[in-house]
């Protein structure tokens, strides 16, 4: 069943639409503006993800549901139900036909796009905070407050491996693009890189200093050579996976309480370089931040939400940004480039060599 109120679509494409405010040092027009505001959840938005084919947006909420929306026009499609507590994370399969959801009810659910729950994965003994599909689709990984990472057969629902990964809750997991590596990170401040096939821990990444701030999100770059890591010291760091060194740092957002999502790549944000690469991050100051990977400069701030923004994603095929706000906001916002129309056909992703360090 769906919530008692009907989901709503607000077209914000008029002249008064909220927009990106560039770094005050940059003299240029805004890059993105809100085209649609999607209303339907009755509690905080915890996660938003665009399907790999660029057709759909899935939003997960503390209201125990996942909602599916059109990424083209913001139209509401359906609500996925079944979790007994709030949804913390979700992941699309590479075919865009299935979703895995992670919940405070200690379960992972696998849904078909039509809303059918195909199976329920049970085994974690505490809240499941994160979930990820293997690029080939045959495996699911989940991380939990029980401090473990579990690997599941996506076809049968069988747990095939348990990794005693951390000494605090596991906050984030991600597979490398080629599927050979799995990264996990935790409130213990550690980022661990695993062999996805054998389950062996290959590396542990620790930022210099006596205090290891809790890690909220870790994401592989498309080339698999780098990891973007957001920590609760209001810093996003870019790690070279091979030699375990930090090669970039970004600051300016506020991140001290919640686990924020990262999204990349964002392209064409530099008027002088259409192939420029950026990284997106939510913030507890109600904004979304965009940094240039190469220069480490903050390129833009996105204003429009009325509460902290944890949920963020980017569609490289459509060049749109999706964000979600917490309890005082409860909306999903679709940001389009100011120079594009929502009806424009998807564009190809940036070339692999667009930047030496490509997020």
Protein backbone atom coordinates (compact mmCIF):
# COMPACT_ATOMS: atom_id res chain seq x y z
CA UNK A 1 0.00 0.00 0.00
CA UNK A 2 1.10 3.55 -0.62
CA UNK A 3 1.07 6.48 1.81
CA UNK A 4 -2.31 8.13 2.26
CA UNK A 5 -1.33 11.26 0.38
CA UNK A 6 -0.75 11.29 -3.36
CA UNK A 7 2.74 11.93 -4.75
CA UNK A 8 3.03 15.32 -6.38
CA UNK A 9 5.12 16.80 -9.13
CA UNK A 10 5.96 20.49 -9.06
CA UNK A 11 7.38 21.93 -12.27
CA UNK A 12 9.87 24.57 -11.16
CA UNK A 13 11.09 25.46 -14.60
CA UNK A 14 9.92 29.05 -14.49
CA UNK A 15 11.99 32.16 -14.17
CA UNK A 16 11.96 31.99 -10.39
CA UNK A 17 13.38 28.47 -10.17
CA UNK A 18 16.14 27.95 -7.62
CA UNK A 19 19.52 27.56 -9.23
CA UNK A 20 23.17 26.88 -8.67
CA UNK A 21 25.17 29.76 -7.25
CA UNK A 22 28.69 29.66 -8.55
CA UNK A 23 31.74 30.27 -6.42
CA UNK A 24 31.73 34.03 -5.79
CA UNK A 25 35.14 34.19 -7.43
CA UNK A 26 33.73 32.86 -10.69
CA UNK A 27 31.93 35.26 -13.02
CA UNK A 28 29.64 32.91 -14.92
CA UNK A 29 25.97 31.98 -15.28
CA UNK A 30 24.42 29.24 -13.09
CA UNK A 31 25.04 25.72 -14.32
CA UNK A 32 21.95 23.83 -13.10
CA UNK A 33 18.48 24.81 -11.97
CA UNK A 34 15.61 22.91 -10.41
CA UNK A 35 13.24 21.66 -13.09
CA UNK A 36 11.06 19.38 -10.96
CA UNK A 37 10.34 18.98 -7.25
CA UNK A 38 8.91 15.55 -6.40
CA UNK A 39 6.69 15.24 -3.32
CA UNK A 40 5.30 12.01 -1.90
CA UNK A 41 7.45 10.76 0.98
CA UNK A 42 6.23 11.69 4.44
CA UNK A 43 9.60 11.40 6.17
CA UNK A 44 13.24 12.20 5.42
CA UNK A 45 14.75 11.23 2.07
CA UNK A 46 17.73 8.97 2.81
CA UNK A 47 18.85 7.98 -0.71
CA UNK A 48 18.19 8.79 -4.38
CA UNK A 49 19.61 6.79 -7.28
CA UNK A 50 19.19 7.18 -11.05
CA UNK A 51 18.92 3.93 -12.99
CA UNK A 52 21.90 3.09 -15.23
CA UNK A 53 19.77 3.55 -18.36
CA UNK A 54 18.86 7.07 -17.24
CA UNK A 55 15.10 6.38 -17.34
CA UNK A 56 14.15 6.12 -13.67
CA UNK A 57 14.82 7.64 -10.26
CA UNK A 58 14.40 5.62 -7.07
CA UNK A 59 14.06 7.45 -3.76
CA UNK A 60 14.28 5.73 -0.38
CA UNK A 61 12.96 7.20 2.84
CA UNK A 62 12.61 6.84 6.58
CA UNK A 63 8.91 6.29 5.81
CA UNK A 64 9.81 2.64 4.96
CA UNK A 65 9.14 3.01 1.23
CA UNK A 66 10.94 3.38 -2.07
CA UNK A 67 9.30 5.44 -4.79
CA UNK A 68 9.99 5.18 -8.52
CA UNK A 69 9.81 8.33 -10.66
CA UNK A 70 10.47 9.10 -14.30
CA UNK A 71 13.86 10.73 -14.78
CA UNK A 72 12.54 12.37 -17.95
CA UNK A 73 9.55 14.32 -16.64
CA UNK A 74 9.41 13.55 -12.91
CA UNK A 75 6.21 11.54 -13.21
CA UNK A 76 5.45 9.25 -10.24
CA UNK A 77 5.30 5.56 -11.20
CA UNK A 78 4.91 3.36 -8.13
CA UNK A 79 5.79 2.74 -4.49
CA UNK A 80 7.78 -0.29 -3.34
CA UNK A 81 6.75 -1.53 0.10
CA UNK A 82 7.72 -4.34 2.42
CA UNK A 83 10.31 -3.00 4.85
CA UNK A 84 9.23 -2.74 8.48
CA UNK A 85 11.53 0.22 9.18
CA UNK A 86 13.20 3.05 7.29
CA UNK A 87 15.15 2.54 4.06
CA UNK A 88 18.81 3.59 4.29
CA UNK A 89 20.19 2.75 0.85
CA UNK A 90 19.30 1.22 -2.48
CA UNK A 91 21.10 0.02 -5.58
CA UNK A 92 20.06 -0.53 -9.19
CA UNK A 93 21.12 -3.58 -11.14
CA UNK A 94 23.13 -2.83 -14.28
CA UNK A 95 20.08 -3.80 -16.38
CA UNK A 96 17.93 -1.17 -14.58
CA UNK A 97 15.31 -3.90 -14.04
CA UNK A 98 15.96 -4.68 -10.38
CA UNK A 99 16.61 -2.79 -7.15
CA UNK A 100 18.13 -3.89 -3.87
CA UNK A 101 17.11 -2.00 -0.74
CA UNK A 102 18.73 -1.84 2.72
CA UNK A 103 16.73 -1.08 5.84
CA UNK A 104 16.80 -0.54 9.57
CA UNK A 105 14.76 -3.76 9.81
CA UNK A 106 18.07 -5.66 9.27
CA UNK A 107 16.96 -6.98 5.88
CA UNK A 108 17.85 -6.52 2.23
CA UNK A 109 14.99 -6.77 -0.24
CA UNK A 110 15.33 -7.41 -3.97
CA UNK A 111 12.58 -5.85 -6.08
CA UNK A 112 11.67 -6.02 -9.74
CA UNK A 113 11.06 -2.68 -11.43
CA UNK A 114 7.32 -3.46 -11.53
CA UNK A 115 7.28 -3.45 -7.71
CA UNK A 116 7.28 -7.19 -7.06
CA UNK A 117 9.46 -8.26 -4.14
CA UNK A 118 11.49 -11.17 -5.49
CA UNK A 119 13.28 -12.17 -2.30
CA UNK A 120 14.22 -11.07 1.19
CA UNK A 121 17.83 -11.49 2.33
CA UNK A 122 18.12 -12.19 6.05
CA UNK A 123 21.21 -12.71 8.17
CA UNK A 124 22.40 -9.34 9.45
CA UNK A 125 21.77 -8.87 13.17
CA UNK A 126 21.40 -5.08 13.11
CA UNK A 127 20.36 -2.28 10.74
CA UNK A 128 21.53 -2.69 7.15
CA UNK A 129 22.98 0.66 6.16
CA UNK A 130 24.33 0.13 2.63
CA UNK A 131 23.94 -2.13 -0.38
CA UNK A 132 25.63 -2.51 -3.78
CA UNK A 133 25.24 -4.66 -6.90
CA UNK A 134 28.27 -6.31 -8.48
CA UNK A 135 28.69 -4.93 -12.04
CA UNK A 136 27.88 -8.36 -13.47
CA UNK A 137 24.70 -8.55 -11.41
CA UNK A 138 25.27 -11.96 -9.87
CA UNK A 139 26.31 -10.68 -6.42
CA UNK A 140 24.96 -8.23 -3.88
CA UNK A 141 26.99 -6.74 -1.05
CA UNK A 142 25.48 -5.29 2.11
CA UNK A 143 26.98 -3.52 5.10
CA UNK A 144 25.46 -3.34 8.54
CA UNK A 145 25.58 -1.90 12.02
CA UNK A 146 26.56 -5.45 13.04
CA UNK A 147 30.03 -4.45 11.71
CA UNK A 148 30.03 -7.03 8.91
CA UNK A 149 29.81 -7.02 5.13
CA UNK A 150 27.82 -9.85 3.57
CA UNK A 151 27.99 -11.08 -0.01
CA UNK A 152 24.84 -12.63 -1.42
CA UNK A 153 23.97 -14.66 -4.49
CA UNK A 154 21.51 -12.31 -6.19
CA UNK A 155 19.74 -15.19 -7.94
CA UNK A 156 19.13 -17.43 -4.93
CA UNK A 157 19.41 -15.04 -1.98
CA UNK A 158 22.05 -17.26 -0.36
CA UNK A 159 24.73 -15.58 1.74
CA UNK A 160 27.99 -16.74 0.18
CA UNK A 161 30.49 -14.87 2.36
CA UNK A 162 30.66 -12.86 5.58
CA UNK A 163 33.49 -10.35 6.02
CA UNK A 164 34.24 -9.28 9.62
CA UNK A 165 35.01 -5.92 8.14
CA UNK A 166 35.13 -3.27 10.87
CA UNK A 167 34.99 -2.50 14.58
CA UNK A 168 32.07 -0.09 14.19
CA UNK A 169 28.99 0.10 11.95
CA UNK A 170 29.66 -0.30 8.23
CA UNK A 171 28.46 2.90 6.58
CA UNK A 172 29.27 2.41 2.89
CA UNK A 173 30.24 -0.19 0.29
CA UNK A 174 30.99 -0.08 -3.44
CA UNK A 175 32.30 -2.41 -6.15
CA UNK A 176 35.00 -1.28 -8.54
CA UNK A 177 33.75 -0.87 -12.13
CA UNK A 178 35.41 -4.12 -13.23
CA UNK A 179 34.03 -5.98 -10.21
CA UNK A 180 37.40 -7.19 -8.91
CA UNK A 181 37.45 -4.99 -5.80
CA UNK A 182 35.01 -4.14 -3.03
CA UNK A 183 35.44 -1.15 -0.75
CA UNK A 184 33.89 -0.83 2.71
CA UNK A 185 34.16 1.98 5.22
CA UNK A 186 32.91 2.56 8.70
CA UNK A 187 32.37 4.74 11.71
CA UNK A 188 35.75 3.37 12.84
CA UNK A 189 37.35 5.75 10.32
CA UNK A 190 38.88 2.98 8.22
CA UNK A 191 38.47 2.34 4.50
CA UNK A 192 39.16 -1.27 3.51
CA UNK A 193 39.68 -2.58 -0.01
CA UNK A 194 38.81 -6.26 -0.52
CA UNK A 195 39.33 -8.83 -3.23
CA UNK A 196 35.72 -9.32 -4.32
CA UNK A 197 36.33 -12.95 -5.33
CA UNK A 198 38.33 -14.26 -2.37
CA UNK A 199 37.22 -11.91 0.39
CA UNK A 200 40.81 -11.05 1.34
CA UNK A 201 41.50 -7.56 2.64
CA UNK A 202 44.07 -6.04 0.29
CA UNK A 203 44.49 -2.56 1.79
CA UNK A 204 43.38 -0.39 4.68
CA UNK A 205 43.32 3.35 4.04
CA UNK A 206 43.68 5.68 7.01
CA UNK A 207 43.94 9.47 6.84
CA UNK A 208 46.96 10.92 8.64
CA UNK A 209 46.42 12.18 12.18
CA UNK A 210 45.55 10.85 15.60
CA UNK A 211 41.79 10.95 15.01
CA UNK A 212 40.14 8.89 12.31
CA UNK A 213 36.84 10.65 11.55
CA UNK A 214 33.91 8.37 10.75
CA UNK A 215 33.53 7.69 7.03
CA UNK A 216 30.12 8.25 5.48
CA UNK A 217 30.65 7.36 1.84
CA UNK A 218 33.30 5.80 -0.41
CA UNK A 219 32.95 5.57 -4.19
CA UNK A 220 35.24 4.20 -6.89
CA UNK A 221 36.12 6.41 -9.83
CA UNK A 222 34.99 5.03 -13.22
CA UNK A 223 38.56 3.97 -13.98
CA UNK A 224 38.77 2.03 -10.69
CA UNK A 225 42.10 3.64 -9.78
CA UNK A 226 40.78 6.16 -7.28
CA UNK A 227 38.37 6.31 -4.35
CA UNK A 228 36.42 9.37 -3.27
CA UNK A 229 35.83 9.25 0.48
CA UNK A 230 33.56 11.58 2.47
CA UNK A 231 34.28 11.78 6.20
CA UNK A 232 32.48 13.43 9.09
CA UNK A 233 35.19 16.09 9.38
CA UNK A 234 33.62 18.02 6.48
CA UNK A 235 36.24 16.75 4.04
CA UNK A 236 36.11 14.71 0.85
CA UNK A 237 39.39 12.99 0.02
CA UNK A 238 40.47 11.32 -3.22
CA UNK A 239 42.67 8.27 -2.65
CA UNK A 240 44.96 6.55 -5.11
CA UNK A 241 43.98 2.92 -4.51
CA UNK A 242 47.26 1.47 -5.79
CA UNK A 243 49.66 3.33 -3.50
CA UNK A 244 47.19 4.29 -0.74
CA UNK A 245 47.91 8.02 -0.92
CA UNK A 246 45.61 11.02 -0.85
CA UNK A 247 45.86 12.98 -4.09
CA UNK A 248 43.01 15.51 -3.65
CA UNK A 249 41.01 17.08 -0.84
CA UNK A 250 37.81 19.10 -1.03
CA UNK A 251 36.31 21.26 1.72
CA UNK A 252 33.60 23.87 2.06
CA UNK A 253 30.51 21.77 2.80
CA UNK A 254 29.27 20.85 6.29
CA UNK A 255 29.39 17.19 7.29
CA UNK A 256 29.63 16.44 11.00
CA UNK A 257 26.51 14.41 11.89
CA UNK A 258 25.25 12.35 8.96
CA UNK A 259 26.57 10.02 6.30
CA UNK A 260 26.39 11.91 3.01
CA UNK A 261 26.41 10.43 -0.47
CA UNK A 262 28.88 11.34 -3.21
CA UNK A 263 28.19 11.32 -6.94
CA UNK A 264 30.45 11.50 -9.97
CA UNK A 265 31.34 12.26 -12.64
CA UNK A 266 29.81 15.62 -13.43
CA UNK A 267 30.96 16.94 -16.76
CA UNK A 268 31.01 20.20 -18.62
CA UNK A 269 30.81 22.36 -15.49
CA UNK A 270 33.69 24.53 -16.64
CA UNK A 271 32.77 26.99 -19.40
CA UNK A 272 36.34 26.69 -20.66
CA UNK A 273 36.38 22.88 -20.72
CA UNK A 274 33.32 20.89 -21.78
CA UNK A 275 35.03 17.65 -20.72
CA UNK A 276 35.77 18.82 -17.17
CA UNK A 277 35.14 16.34 -14.36
CA UNK A 278 33.63 17.11 -10.96
CA UNK A 279 32.41 15.50 -7.78
CA UNK A 280 29.09 16.19 -6.06
CA UNK A 281 28.36 16.02 -2.34
CA UNK A 282 25.37 16.84 -0.16
CA UNK A 283 25.70 18.97 2.94
CA UNK A 284 24.14 19.60 6.33
CA UNK A 285 23.75 23.30 5.42
CA UNK A 286 20.91 22.34 3.01
CA UNK A 287 23.06 22.67 -0.12
CA UNK A 288 24.75 20.47 -2.70
CA UNK A 289 28.37 21.21 -3.57
CA UNK A 290 30.26 20.66 -6.81
CA UNK A 291 34.06 20.63 -6.97
CA UNK A 292 36.43 20.45 -9.91
CA UNK A 293 38.55 17.32 -9.59
CA UNK A 294 41.69 18.71 -11.17
CA UNK A 295 41.89 22.13 -9.53
CA UNK A 296 40.23 21.15 -6.21
CA UNK A 297 38.21 24.36 -6.47
CA UNK A 298 34.57 24.60 -5.47
CA UNK A 299 32.72 25.27 -8.71
CA UNK A 300 29.13 25.62 -7.52
CA UNK A 301 26.67 25.49 -4.65
CA UNK A 302 23.09 24.32 -5.23
CA UNK A 303 20.41 26.09 -3.19
CA UNK A 304 16.84 24.86 -2.99
CA UNK A 305 16.33 22.39 -0.13
CA UNK A 306 15.11 23.42 3.32
CA UNK A 307 16.93 20.76 5.34
CA UNK A 308 20.15 18.77 5.23
CA UNK A 309 20.85 16.99 1.94
CA UNK A 310 22.23 13.47 2.33
CA UNK A 311 20.88 11.94 -0.87
CA UNK A 312 22.55 12.87 -4.15
CA UNK A 313 23.08 11.23 -7.52
CA UNK A 314 24.03 12.14 -11.07
CA UNK A 315 23.04 10.68 -14.43
CA UNK A 316 25.91 10.90 -16.93
CA UNK A 317 23.64 9.91 -19.81
CA UNK A 318 21.15 12.70 -19.14
CA UNK A 319 23.43 15.18 -17.38
CA UNK A 320 20.94 15.70 -14.55
CA UNK A 321 21.45 15.91 -10.80
CA UNK A 322 19.02 14.44 -8.27
CA UNK A 323 18.95 15.38 -4.59
CA UNK A 324 16.80 14.64 -1.53
CA UNK A 325 16.25 16.47 1.76
CA UNK A 326 15.69 15.40 5.36
CA UNK A 327 12.58 15.76 7.55
CA UNK A 328 11.93 19.49 7.18
CA UNK A 329 12.12 19.12 3.40
CA UNK A 330 11.07 15.61 2.34
CA UNK A 331 11.37 16.42 -1.36
CA UNK A 332 13.34 15.04 -4.29
CA UNK A 333 14.65 17.68 -6.69
CA UNK A 334 15.71 17.23 -10.31
CA UNK A 335 18.32 19.70 -11.51
CA UNK A 336 18.78 20.23 -15.25
CA UNK A 337 21.55 22.15 -17.01
CA UNK A 338 20.33 25.67 -17.64
CA UNK A 339 21.05 25.31 -21.36
CA UNK A 340 19.17 22.02 -21.84
CA UNK A 341 15.57 20.92 -22.20
CA UNK A 342 14.24 17.90 -20.26
CA UNK A 343 13.15 16.38 -23.57
CA UNK A 344 16.67 16.37 -24.92
CA UNK A 345 17.93 12.91 -25.84
CA UNK A 346 20.54 11.35 -23.56
CA UNK A 347 24.09 12.34 -24.33
CA UNK A 348 27.12 10.03 -24.25
CA UNK A 349 29.26 10.04 -21.08
CA UNK A 350 32.59 11.89 -21.05
CA UNK A 351 35.60 10.29 -22.66
CA UNK A 352 37.69 8.08 -20.41
CA UNK A 353 40.68 10.36 -20.77
CA UNK A 354 38.82 13.56 -19.97
CA UNK A 355 41.02 14.10 -16.93
CA UNK A 356 44.17 12.59 -15.52
CA UNK A 357 42.31 12.00 -12.28
CA UNK A 358 38.79 11.09 -13.40
CA UNK A 359 36.12 10.68 -10.79
